[in-house]
Protein backbone atom coordinates (compact mmCIF):
# COMPACT_ATOMS: atom_id res chain seq x y z
CA UNK A 1 -13.30 -6.51 15.24
CA UNK A 2 -12.29 -4.12 12.44
CA UNK A 3 -8.78 -4.59 11.08
CA UNK A 4 -6.71 -3.56 8.07
CA UNK A 5 -6.27 -6.25 5.44
CA UNK A 6 -3.52 -5.84 2.86
CA UNK A 7 -3.50 -7.74 -0.43
CA UNK A 8 -0.33 -7.62 -2.54
CA UNK A 9 -0.28 -9.55 -5.82
CA UNK A 10 -2.89 -12.00 -4.54
CA UNK A 11 -1.32 -12.59 -1.10
CA UNK A 12 -3.48 -11.50 1.86
CA UNK A 13 -2.23 -10.24 5.22
CA UNK A 14 -3.98 -9.04 8.36
CA UNK A 15 -1.95 -6.07 9.56
CA UNK A 16 -0.81 -5.58 13.13
CA UNK A 17 -3.38 -3.47 15.00
CA UNK A 18 -0.61 -1.06 16.02
CA UNK A 19 0.56 -0.47 12.45
CA UNK A 20 -0.08 2.97 10.94
CA UNK A 21 -1.87 1.92 7.72
CA UNK A 22 -1.67 5.40 6.17
CA UNK A 23 2.08 5.51 6.70
CA UNK A 24 2.42 2.02 5.17
CA UNK A 25 0.38 3.17 2.15
CA UNK A 26 2.71 6.15 1.72
CA UNK A 27 5.76 3.89 1.93
CA UNK A 28 4.32 1.57 -0.73
CA UNK A 29 3.49 4.51 -3.02
CA UNK A 30 7.03 5.87 -2.64
CA UNK A 31 8.49 2.44 -3.42
CA UNK A 32 6.38 2.10 -6.57
CA UNK A 33 7.22 5.61 -7.77
CA UNK A 34 10.96 5.10 -7.23
CA UNK A 35 11.05 2.05 -9.51
CA UNK A 36 10.50 -0.54 -6.78
CA UNK A 37 11.74 -1.42 -3.32
CA UNK A 38 11.20 -3.89 -0.51
CA UNK A 39 8.69 -2.77 2.12
CA UNK A 40 8.62 -4.26 5.63
CA UNK A 41 5.10 -5.02 6.85
CA UNK A 42 4.11 -5.93 10.43
CA UNK A 43 1.40 -8.57 10.43
CA UNK A 44 -0.57 -10.37 13.15
CA UNK A 45 1.17 -12.65 15.59
CA UNK A 46 4.19 -10.35 15.95
CA UNK A 47 5.41 -11.48 12.56
CA UNK A 48 6.73 -9.43 9.67
CA UNK A 49 7.02 -9.90 5.94
CA UNK A 50 9.08 -8.06 3.34
CA UNK A 51 7.34 -7.52 0.00
CA UNK A 52 8.78 -6.12 -3.20
CA UNK A 53 6.55 -3.22 -4.28
CA UNK A 54 6.83 -1.95 -7.87
CA UNK A 55 4.64 0.08 -10.20
CA UNK A 56 3.24 -3.23 -11.48
CA UNK A 57 2.21 -4.46 -8.01
CA UNK A 58 -1.50 -5.03 -7.43
CA UNK A 59 -2.15 -3.64 -3.93
CA UNK A 60 -5.37 -3.27 -1.95
CA UNK A 61 -5.57 -1.90 1.60
CA UNK A 62 -8.99 -2.43 3.20
CA UNK A 63 -10.48 -1.75 6.62
CA UNK A 64 -12.78 -4.73 7.22
CA UNK A 65 -14.47 -6.79 9.89
CA UNK A 66 -12.46 -9.80 10.99
CA UNK A 67 -13.89 -12.70 12.99
CA UNK A 68 -12.70 -12.69 16.60
CA UNK A 69 -11.65 -16.38 16.48
CA UNK A 70 -9.23 -15.60 13.62
CA UNK A 71 -7.63 -12.79 15.61
CA UNK A 72 -7.09 -14.93 18.70
CA UNK A 73 -5.19 -17.58 16.74
CA UNK A 74 -2.62 -15.01 15.61
CA UNK A 75 -2.63 -16.23 12.03
CA UNK A 76 -0.27 -13.97 10.03
CA UNK A 77 -2.23 -14.40 6.83
CA UNK A 78 -4.96 -16.47 5.28
CA UNK A 79 -6.94 -16.79 2.08
CA UNK A 80 -10.24 -15.03 1.70
CA UNK A 81 -13.21 -16.69 0.05
CA UNK A 82 -11.01 -19.63 -0.93
CA UNK A 83 -12.81 -22.91 -1.46
CA UNK A 84 -10.10 -25.04 -3.04
CA UNK A 85 -9.10 -25.73 -6.60
């Protein structure tokens, strides 16, 4: 199943399938250009998170394949390629 994955300053989120990713990207760009602002983000499991987006924020929005078992558990976020310390 293809889904949008958002990474902000090292934190990863699977976005809600109903979320308009292009609109979210525009909101984050506007926040960064205005000097910074909190952006509300709908994530899996009917959860939401509010992230502070500034010009210094490291943001990646990707459209990637997500394992079906991860989707069914409704996990709001997880680490990618993490194998411990």
